[in-house]
Amino acid sequence: MKSILVSLVAFLMIVQIYGQRQDFQLEFKLRFENQKVYCDVVPTKDYLVLGMQFGIHHNSDFVIFDTAYSNVFEFTKKIFNEICPKNVRFVWTNPKAQNIQLIQNVPFLTLEYTELIPSNHFICMMPSLSPTCTTMIREAFYDSGNDLVSYGIPDVCVDYRIQDGAIILANIKPDKNKHFQINYNPLDKSIDIDPELDSREYLLHILSPNGACLYQFEKLNKKQRLALTDLSAGLYIYSIHIGKNQIQSGKFVVVE
């Protein structure tokens, strides 16, 4: 069995460097019960899995991860609080070396935590890098019968607040109907802006959650990558203007 696990790890390292992978689509579903938050990790399609690894980040300094549990499988590594406050990391491989079925919209993992000071918060998948205190490789894989097939796990992020005993949330997802595509790059703390038309001059503001202007970029007229190196971990707002009119706004998350 040890040799099987070693072979799986070696294969995944090769795939990560050289291979092209499909996406393993997940979402977070939150609920608030008995003064605790429950985050269900839910697949958006049916999947077979032999193993996976990922991490979850919470933005608040006043959060306690109580436990995490699954009715599908047992994670062999589950690290939280004692090493990296605000971060939870999971690693799982089926010791029987057999695929397990994950069902669309049925949670396979629930993270239970307590917010000591409920406020505007978010939880996100940790950035997909070599494991550190604030990063974790995100991937899943299964045995196709002839080979191992590896998936990459895309970004998942939920912005929410607790109000009157209920969770009010807004998923942070790109909107393809907007005039600009906005993507934040956590590796180099920059933001990519891709306008539908390069000929129209526009203005970009980066704001804190309370509305303070942190960056202002003027006279932009094409696809841009702009450095935001001074931003600390948190939730931020962007606002795009053409002339005197605000034509688009949205949110993005910085995770250190």
C-alpha atoms as a PDB file:
ATOM      1  CA  MET A   1       0.000   0.000   0.000  1.00  0.00           C
ATOM      2  CA  LYS A   2       2.827   2.382   0.818  1.00  0.00           C
ATOM      3  CA  SER A   3       4.258   1.875  -2.679  1.00  0.00           C
ATOM      4  CA  ILE A   4       0.849   2.677  -4.202  1.00  0.00           C
ATOM      5  CA  LEU A   5       0.619   5.970  -2.313  1.00  0.00           C
ATOM      6  CA  VAL A   6       4.184   6.886  -3.281  1.00  0.00           C
ATOM      7  CA  SER A   7       3.356   6.179  -6.926  1.00  0.00           C
ATOM      8  CA  LEU A   8       0.226   8.361  -6.700  1.00  0.00           C
ATOM      9  CA  VAL A   9       2.170  11.274  -5.257  1.00  0.00           C
ATOM     10  CA  ALA A  10       4.885  10.948  -7.910  1.00  0.00           C
ATOM     11  CA  PHE A  11       2.275  10.853 -10.685  1.00  0.00           C
ATOM     12  CA  LEU A  12       0.504  13.952  -9.387  1.00  0.00           C
ATOM     13  CA  MET A  13       3.778  15.874  -9.228  1.00  0.00           C
ATOM     14  CA  ILE A  14       4.424  15.044 -12.889  1.00  0.00           C
ATOM     15  CA  VAL A  15       0.861  15.994 -13.900  1.00  0.00           C
ATOM     16  CA  GLN A  16       1.097  19.241 -11.982  1.00  0.00           C
ATOM     17  CA  ILE A  17       4.243  20.264 -13.874  1.00  0.00           C
ATOM     18  CA  TYR A  18       3.479  18.974 -17.380  1.00  0.00           C
ATOM     19  CA  GLY A  19      -0.153  17.902 -17.708  1.00  0.00           C
ATOM     20  CA  GLN A  20      -3.325  19.678 -18.726  1.00  0.00           C
ATOM     21  CA  ARG A  21      -6.143  19.005 -16.304  1.00  0.00           C
ATOM     22  CA  GLN A  22      -9.881  19.449 -16.280  1.00  0.00           C
ATOM     23  CA  ASP A  23     -11.583  21.365 -13.511  1.00  0.00           C
ATOM     24  CA  PHE A  24     -13.083  19.695 -10.442  1.00  0.00           C
ATOM     25  CA  GLN A  25     -15.962  22.090  -9.751  1.00  0.00           C
ATOM     26  CA  LEU A  26     -16.945  22.717  -6.121  1.00  0.00           C
ATOM     27  CA  GLU A  27     -18.987  25.275  -4.241  1.00  0.00           C
ATOM     28  CA  PHE A  28     -19.418  26.309  -0.618  1.00  0.00           C
ATOM     29  CA  LYS A  29     -22.892  26.325   0.920  1.00  0.00           C
ATOM     30  CA  LEU A  30     -23.194  28.097   4.272  1.00  0.00           C
ATOM     31  CA  ARG A  31     -25.741  27.788   7.074  1.00  0.00           C
ATOM     32  CA  PHE A  32     -25.962  29.271  10.572  1.00  0.00           C
ATOM     33  CA  GLU A  33     -27.246  27.058  13.380  1.00  0.00           C
ATOM     34  CA  ASN A  34     -26.844  27.232  17.177  1.00  0.00           C
ATOM     35  CA  GLN A  35     -24.479  30.214  16.893  1.00  0.00           C
ATOM     36  CA  LYS A  36     -22.123  28.317  14.600  1.00  0.00           C
ATOM     37  CA  VAL A  37     -21.385  28.484  10.875  1.00  0.00           C
ATOM     38  CA  TYR A  38     -21.438  25.296   8.825  1.00  0.00           C
ATOM     39  CA  CYS A  39     -19.693  25.314   5.446  1.00  0.00           C
ATOM     40  CA  ASP A  40     -20.689  22.381   3.231  1.00  0.00           C
ATOM     41  CA  VAL A  41     -18.248  21.580   0.411  1.00  0.00           C
ATOM     42  CA  VAL A  42     -20.398  20.435  -2.499  1.00  0.00           C
ATOM     43  CA  PRO A  43     -19.500  19.054  -5.955  1.00  0.00           C
ATOM     44  CA  THR A  44     -21.438  20.669  -8.810  1.00  0.00           C
ATOM     45  CA  LYS A  45     -21.220  17.451 -10.883  1.00  0.00           C
ATOM     46  CA  ASP A  46     -20.932  13.711 -10.264  1.00  0.00           C
ATOM     47  CA  TYR A  47     -17.290  12.684  -9.786  1.00  0.00           C
ATOM     48  CA  LEU A  48     -15.252   9.583  -9.059  1.00  0.00           C
ATOM     49  CA  VAL A  49     -12.358  10.312  -6.707  1.00  0.00           C
ATOM     50  CA  LEU A  50      -9.442   8.306  -5.413  1.00  0.00           C
ATOM     51  CA  GLY A  51      -7.889  11.207  -3.527  1.00  0.00           C
ATOM     52  CA  MET A  52      -7.769  14.997  -3.193  1.00  0.00           C
ATOM     53  CA  GLN A  53      -6.151  17.869  -1.347  1.00  0.00           C
ATOM     54  CA  PHE A  54      -7.096  21.511  -0.787  1.00  0.00           C
ATOM     55  CA  GLY A  55      -7.219  24.229   1.859  1.00  0.00           C
ATOM     56  CA  ILE A  56      -9.847  26.705   3.089  1.00  0.00           C
ATOM     57  CA  HIS A  57      -9.102  30.243   4.305  1.00  0.00           C
ATOM     58  CA  HIS A  58     -11.223  32.526   6.502  1.00  0.00           C
ATOM     59  CA  ASN A  59     -10.491  36.257   6.620  1.00  0.00           C
ATOM     60  CA  SER A  60     -11.318  36.984  10.269  1.00  0.00           C
ATOM     61  CA  ASP A  61      -8.843  37.014  13.147  1.00  0.00           C
ATOM     62  CA  PHE A  62     -11.748  36.065  15.416  1.00  0.00           C
ATOM     63  CA  VAL A  63     -12.741  32.658  14.091  1.00  0.00           C
ATOM     64  CA  ILE A  64     -12.328  29.243  15.728  1.00  0.00           C
ATOM     65  CA  PHE A  65     -12.485  26.111  13.575  1.00  0.00           C
ATOM     66  CA  ASP A  66     -14.309  23.579  15.739  1.00  0.00           C
ATOM     67  CA  THR A  67     -14.229  20.475  13.576  1.00  0.00           C
ATOM     68  CA  ALA A  68     -14.557  19.098  10.060  1.00  0.00           C
ATOM     69  CA  TYR A  69     -16.303  15.865   9.169  1.00  0.00           C
ATOM     70  CA  SER A  70     -17.372  13.815   6.168  1.00  0.00           C
ATOM     71  CA  ASN A  71     -19.852  11.004   5.625  1.00  0.00           C
ATOM     72  CA  VAL A  72     -17.977   9.991   2.473  1.00  0.00           C
ATOM     73  CA  PHE A  73     -14.362   9.565   3.549  1.00  0.00           C
ATOM     74  CA  GLU A  74     -11.904  10.281   6.349  1.00  0.00           C
ATOM     75  CA  PHE A  75      -9.151  12.797   5.677  1.00  0.00           C
ATOM     76  CA  THR A  76      -5.719  11.469   6.652  1.00  0.00           C
ATOM     77  CA  LYS A  77      -4.486  15.003   7.340  1.00  0.00           C
ATOM     78  CA  LYS A  78      -6.708  17.688   8.842  1.00  0.00           C
ATOM     79  CA  ILE A  79      -4.731  20.596  10.257  1.00  0.00           C
ATOM     80  CA  PHE A  80      -6.242  23.727  11.708  1.00  0.00           C
ATOM     81  CA  ASN A  81      -5.783  26.364  14.431  1.00  0.00           C
ATOM     82  CA  GLU A  82      -2.651  25.002  16.070  1.00  0.00           C
ATOM     83  CA  ILE A  83      -0.404  25.842  13.080  1.00  0.00           C
ATOM     84  CA  CYS A  84      -2.209  28.311  10.861  1.00  0.00           C
ATOM     85  CA  PRO A  85      -5.046  30.342  12.371  1.00  0.00           C
ATOM     86  CA  LYS A  86      -7.772  31.110   9.791  1.00  0.00           C
ATOM     87  CA  ASN A  87      -6.612  28.240   7.549  1.00  0.00           C
ATOM     88  CA  VAL A  88      -7.631  24.584   7.274  1.00  0.00           C
ATOM     89  CA  ARG A  89      -5.816  22.063   5.065  1.00  0.00           C
ATOM     90  CA  PHE A  90      -7.094  18.646   3.969  1.00  0.00           C
ATOM     91  CA  VAL A  91      -5.381  15.672   2.329  1.00  0.00           C
ATOM     92  CA  TRP A  92      -7.164  12.400   1.547  1.00  0.00           C
ATOM     93  CA  THR A  93      -6.328   9.224  -0.385  1.00  0.00           C
ATOM     94  CA  ASN A  94      -8.488   6.115  -0.251  1.00  0.00           C
ATOM     95  CA  PRO A  95      -6.366   3.457   1.527  1.00  0.00           C
ATOM     96  CA  LYS A  96      -8.187   0.772  -0.480  1.00  0.00           C
ATOM     97  CA  ALA A  97      -6.961   2.379  -3.729  1.00  0.00           C
ATOM     98  CA  GLN A  98     -10.540   2.412  -5.061  1.00  0.00           C
ATOM     99  CA  ASN A  99     -12.594   5.254  -6.488  1.00  0.00           C
ATOM    100  CA  ILE A 100     -15.409   6.725  -4.404  1.00  0.00           C
ATOM    101  CA  GLN A 101     -18.490   8.302  -5.987  1.00  0.00           C
ATOM    102  CA  LEU A 102     -19.274  11.949  -5.202  1.00  0.00           C
ATOM    103  CA  ILE A 103     -22.825  12.995  -6.069  1.00  0.00           C
ATOM    104  CA  GLN A 104     -23.780  16.352  -7.561  1.00  0.00           C
ATOM    105  CA  ASN A 105     -25.089  18.805  -4.927  1.00  0.00           C
ATOM    106  CA  VAL A 106     -24.480  16.354  -2.060  1.00  0.00           C
ATOM    107  CA  PRO A 107     -21.900  17.637   0.477  1.00  0.00           C
ATOM    108  CA  PHE A 108     -18.859  15.438   0.991  1.00  0.00           C
ATOM    109  CA  LEU A 109     -17.285  17.628   3.704  1.00  0.00           C
ATOM    110  CA  THR A 110     -18.620  20.014   6.358  1.00  0.00           C
ATOM    111  CA  LEU A 111     -16.445  22.542   8.164  1.00  0.00           C
ATOM    112  CA  GLU A 112     -17.862  23.774  11.465  1.00  0.00           C
ATOM    113  CA  TYR A 113     -16.605  27.018  12.980  1.00  0.00           C
ATOM    114  CA  THR A 114     -17.446  29.830  15.384  1.00  0.00           C
ATOM    115  CA  GLU A 115     -17.160  33.553  14.681  1.00  0.00           C
ATOM    116  CA  LEU A 116     -16.375  35.371  17.912  1.00  0.00           C
ATOM    117  CA  ILE A 117     -17.174  38.764  16.345  1.00  0.00           C
ATOM    118  CA  PRO A 118     -19.693  38.241  13.508  1.00  0.00           C
ATOM    119  CA  SER A 119     -19.151  40.784  10.738  1.00  0.00           C
ATOM    120  CA  ASN A 120     -18.630  40.956   6.973  1.00  0.00           C
ATOM    121  CA  HIS A 121     -16.580  37.853   6.271  1.00  0.00           C
ATOM    122  CA  PHE A 122     -15.536  35.515   3.520  1.00  0.00           C
ATOM    123  CA  ILE A 123     -14.128  32.040   3.120  1.00  0.00           C
ATOM    124  CA  CYS A 124     -12.139  30.937   0.083  1.00  0.00           C
ATOM    125  CA  MET A 125     -10.108  28.089  -1.278  1.00  0.00           C
ATOM    126  CA  MET A 126      -6.496  28.722  -0.325  1.00  0.00           C
ATOM    127  CA  PRO A 127      -4.162  29.672  -3.223  1.00  0.00           C
ATOM    128  CA  SER A 128      -2.904  26.609  -5.082  1.00  0.00           C
ATOM    129  CA  LEU A 129       0.840  26.547  -4.397  1.00  0.00           C
ATOM    130  CA  SER A 130       3.308  24.250  -2.673  1.00  0.00           C
ATOM    131  CA  PRO A 131       1.916  23.787   0.859  1.00  0.00           C
ATOM    132  CA  THR A 132       2.815  26.529   3.338  1.00  0.00           C
ATOM    133  CA  CYS A 133       0.908  28.099   6.204  1.00  0.00           C
ATOM    134  CA  THR A 134      -1.287  30.072   3.783  1.00  0.00           C
ATOM    135  CA  THR A 135      -1.256  27.952   0.596  1.00  0.00           C
ATOM    136  CA  MET A 136      -2.205  24.410  -0.416  1.00  0.00           C
ATOM    137  CA  ILE A 137      -2.073  22.495  -3.702  1.00  0.00           C
ATOM    138  CA  ARG A 138      -5.654  22.011  -4.950  1.00  0.00           C
ATOM    139  CA  GLU A 139      -6.310  18.837  -6.899  1.00  0.00           C
ATOM    140  CA  ALA A 140      -8.398  15.681  -7.110  1.00  0.00           C
ATOM    141  CA  PHE A 141      -7.746  12.454  -9.014  1.00  0.00           C
ATOM    142  CA  TYR A 142      -9.302   9.092  -9.869  1.00  0.00           C
ATOM    143  CA  ASP A 143      -8.393   5.768 -11.446  1.00  0.00           C
ATOM    144  CA  SER A 144      -9.804   5.585 -14.980  1.00  0.00           C
ATOM    145  CA  GLY A 145      -8.948   1.883 -15.274  1.00  0.00           C
ATOM    146  CA  ASN A 146      -5.954   2.538 -17.487  1.00  0.00           C
ATOM    147  CA  ASP A 147      -4.377   5.537 -15.818  1.00  0.00           C
ATOM    148  CA  LEU A 148      -4.807   8.157 -13.119  1.00  0.00           C
ATOM    149  CA  VAL A 149      -6.749  11.235 -14.196  1.00  0.00           C
ATOM    150  CA  SER A 150      -6.025  14.450 -12.311  1.00  0.00           C
ATOM    151  CA  TYR A 151      -8.305  17.472 -11.869  1.00  0.00           C
ATOM    152  CA  GLY A 152      -7.422  20.988 -10.790  1.00  0.00           C
ATOM    153  CA  ILE A 153      -9.799  22.628  -8.284  1.00  0.00           C
ATOM    154  CA  PRO A 154     -10.668  26.216  -9.351  1.00  0.00           C
ATOM    155  CA  ASP A 155     -11.170  29.165  -7.012  1.00  0.00           C
ATOM    156  CA  VAL A 156     -14.186  29.026  -4.711  1.00  0.00           C
ATOM    157  CA  CYS A 157     -15.053  32.056  -2.598  1.00  0.00           C
ATOM    158  CA  VAL A 158     -18.096  33.209  -0.603  1.00  0.00           C
ATOM    159  CA  ASP A 159     -18.661  36.696   0.803  1.00  0.00           C
ATOM    160  CA  TYR A 160     -21.274  36.823   3.571  1.00  0.00           C
ATOM    161  CA  ARG A 161     -22.486  38.358   6.803  1.00  0.00           C
ATOM    162  CA  ILE A 162     -24.550  37.073   9.724  1.00  0.00           C
ATOM    163  CA  GLN A 163     -27.663  39.108  10.362  1.00  0.00           C
ATOM    164  CA  ASP A 164     -30.684  38.364  12.590  1.00  0.00           C
ATOM    165  CA  GLY A 165     -29.612  34.748  13.051  1.00  0.00           C
ATOM    166  CA  ALA A 166     -29.207  34.035   9.331  1.00  0.00           C
ATOM    167  CA  ILE A 167     -26.430  34.112   6.759  1.00  0.00           C
ATOM    168  CA  ILE A 168     -26.721  36.668   3.978  1.00  0.00           C
ATOM    169  CA  LEU A 169     -24.235  35.862   1.263  1.00  0.00           C
ATOM    170  CA  ALA A 170     -23.133  36.797  -2.238  1.00  0.00           C
ATOM    171  CA  ASN A 171     -20.913  34.488  -4.241  1.00  0.00           C
ATOM    172  CA  ILE A 172     -17.969  36.207  -5.892  1.00  0.00           C
ATOM    173  CA  LYS A 173     -18.054  34.999  -9.478  1.00  0.00           C
ATOM    174  CA  PRO A 174     -17.157  36.635 -12.793  1.00  0.00           C
ATOM    175  CA  ASP A 175     -20.121  37.975 -14.733  1.00  0.00           C
ATOM    176  CA  LYS A 176     -19.743  37.340 -18.458  1.00  0.00           C
ATOM    177  CA  ASN A 177     -22.408  39.936 -19.252  1.00  0.00           C
ATOM    178  CA  LYS A 178     -20.321  42.789 -17.847  1.00  0.00           C
ATOM    179  CA  HIS A 179     -18.282  45.158 -20.000  1.00  0.00           C
ATOM    180  CA  PHE A 180     -14.999  44.258 -18.267  1.00  0.00           C
ATOM    181  CA  GLN A 181     -13.582  40.929 -17.144  1.00  0.00           C
ATOM    182  CA  ILE A 182     -11.752  41.374 -13.820  1.00  0.00           C
ATOM    183  CA  ASN A 183      -9.384  38.783 -12.322  1.00  0.00           C
ATOM    184  CA  TYR A 184      -7.194  39.157  -9.254  1.00  0.00           C
ATOM    185  CA  ASN A 185      -3.830  37.329  -9.337  1.00  0.00           C
ATOM    186  CA  PRO A 186      -2.769  36.268  -5.805  1.00  0.00           C
ATOM    187  CA  LEU A 187       0.737  35.192  -6.867  1.00  0.00           C
ATOM    188  CA  ASP A 188       1.976  38.693  -7.698  1.00  0.00           C
ATOM    189  CA  LYS A 189      -0.838  40.794  -6.152  1.00  0.00           C
ATOM    190  CA  SER A 190      -2.038  42.279  -9.415  1.00  0.00           C
ATOM    191  CA  ILE A 191      -5.390  42.726 -11.122  1.00  0.00           C
ATOM    192  CA  ASP A 192      -6.122  41.929 -14.777  1.00  0.00           C
ATOM    193  CA  ILE A 193      -8.673  44.066 -16.618  1.00  0.00           C
ATOM    194  CA  ASP A 194      -9.954  42.971 -20.008  1.00  0.00           C
ATOM    195  CA  PRO A 195     -12.419  45.431 -21.615  1.00  0.00           C
ATOM    196  CA  GLU A 196     -14.735  44.475 -24.453  1.00  0.00           C
ATOM    197  CA  LEU A 197     -13.519  47.500 -26.434  1.00  0.00           C
ATOM    198  CA  ASP A 198      -9.947  48.832 -26.201  1.00  0.00           C
ATOM    199  CA  SER A 199     -10.725  52.245 -27.643  1.00  0.00           C
ATOM    200  CA  ARG A 200     -12.790  53.652 -24.748  1.00  0.00           C
ATOM    201  CA  GLU A 201     -10.846  55.404 -21.993  1.00  0.00           C
ATOM    202  CA  TYR A 202     -11.781  54.318 -18.475  1.00  0.00           C
ATOM    203  CA  LEU A 203     -10.882  54.937 -14.825  1.00  0.00           C
ATOM    204  CA  LEU A 204     -10.389  52.261 -12.148  1.00  0.00           C
ATOM    205  CA  HIS A 205     -10.790  52.759  -8.396  1.00  0.00           C
ATOM    206  CA  ILE A 206      -9.785  50.146  -5.786  1.00  0.00           C
ATOM    207  CA  LEU A 207     -11.693  50.694  -2.537  1.00  0.00           C
ATOM    208  CA  SER A 208     -11.694  49.257   0.975  1.00  0.00           C
ATOM    209  CA  PRO A 209     -14.988  47.715   2.247  1.00  0.00           C
ATOM    210  CA  ASN A 210     -15.792  51.024   3.990  1.00  0.00           C
ATOM    211  CA  GLY A 211     -15.390  52.978   0.739  1.00  0.00           C
ATOM    212  CA  ALA A 212     -11.896  54.488   1.188  1.00  0.00           C
ATOM    213  CA  CYS A 213     -10.076  54.868  -2.139  1.00  0.00           C
ATOM    214  CA  LEU A 214      -6.796  52.911  -2.015  1.00  0.00           C
ATOM    215  CA  TYR A 215      -5.769  53.041  -5.691  1.00  0.00           C
ATOM    216  CA  GLN A 216      -6.827  55.173  -8.660  1.00  0.00           C
ATOM    217  CA  PHE A 217      -5.729  54.323 -12.205  1.00  0.00           C
ATOM    218  CA  GLU A 218      -6.599  56.897 -14.876  1.00  0.00           C
ATOM    219  CA  LYS A 219      -6.640  57.028 -18.675  1.00  0.00           C
ATOM    220  CA  LEU A 220      -6.762  53.280 -19.239  1.00  0.00           C
ATOM    221  CA  ASN A 221      -7.964  52.158 -22.670  1.00  0.00           C
ATOM    222  CA  LYS A 222      -6.976  48.526 -23.208  1.00  0.00           C
ATOM    223  CA  LYS A 223      -6.246  45.254 -21.464  1.00  0.00           C
ATOM    224  CA  GLN A 224      -4.136  45.926 -18.384  1.00  0.00           C
ATOM    225  CA  ARG A 225      -2.316  44.188 -15.543  1.00  0.00           C
ATOM    226  CA  LEU A 226      -1.981  46.559 -12.579  1.00  0.00           C
ATOM    227  CA  ALA A 227       0.107  45.990  -9.436  1.00  0.00           C
ATOM    228  CA  LEU A 228      -1.663  46.107  -6.049  1.00  0.00           C
ATOM    229  CA  THR A 229       1.303  45.082  -3.915  1.00  0.00           C
ATOM    230  CA  ASP A 230       0.347  47.078  -0.815  1.00  0.00           C
ATOM    231  CA  LEU A 231      -2.957  45.316  -0.175  1.00  0.00           C
ATOM    232  CA  SER A 232      -3.190  43.163   2.937  1.00  0.00           C
ATOM    233  CA  ALA A 233      -5.523  40.162   3.262  1.00  0.00           C
ATOM    234  CA  GLY A 234      -9.171  41.141   3.005  1.00  0.00           C
ATOM    235  CA  LEU A 235     -12.135  41.925   0.796  1.00  0.00           C
ATOM    236  CA  TYR A 236     -11.873  44.836  -1.655  1.00  0.00           C
ATOM    237  CA  ILE A 237     -14.133  46.655  -4.093  1.00  0.00           C
ATOM    238  CA  TYR A 238     -13.332  47.793  -7.622  1.00  0.00           C
ATOM    239  CA  SER A 239     -15.204  50.507  -9.485  1.00  0.00           C
ATOM    240  CA  ILE A 240     -14.860  51.306 -13.193  1.00  0.00           C
ATOM    241  CA  HIS A 241     -15.922  54.646 -14.657  1.00  0.00           C
ATOM    242  CA  ILE A 242     -16.232  55.956 -18.199  1.00  0.00           C
ATOM    243  CA  GLY A 243     -16.521  59.720 -18.099  1.00  0.00           C
ATOM    244  CA  LYS A 244     -18.667  60.618 -15.086  1.00  0.00           C
ATOM    245  CA  ASN A 245     -20.578  57.336 -15.090  1.00  0.00           C
ATOM    246  CA  GLN A 246     -19.797  54.259 -13.042  1.00  0.00           C
ATOM    247  CA  ILE A 247     -20.421  51.379 -15.428  1.00  0.00           C
ATOM    248  CA  GLN A 248     -19.274  48.411 -13.358  1.00  0.00           C
ATOM    249  CA  SER A 249     -18.295  47.458  -9.821  1.00  0.00           C
ATOM    250  CA  GLY A 250     -17.548  44.251  -7.961  1.00  0.00           C
ATOM    251  CA  LYS A 251     -15.477  42.553  -5.276  1.00  0.00           C
ATOM    252  CA  PHE A 252     -12.284  40.547  -5.075  1.00  0.00           C
ATOM    253  CA  VAL A 253     -10.404  38.806  -2.272  1.00  0.00           C
ATOM    254  CA  VAL A 254      -6.752  39.087  -1.230  1.00  0.00           C
ATOM    255  CA  VAL A 255      -5.382  36.102   0.706  1.00  0.00           C
ATOM    256  CA  GLU A 256      -1.905  36.305   2.185  1.00  0.00           C
END
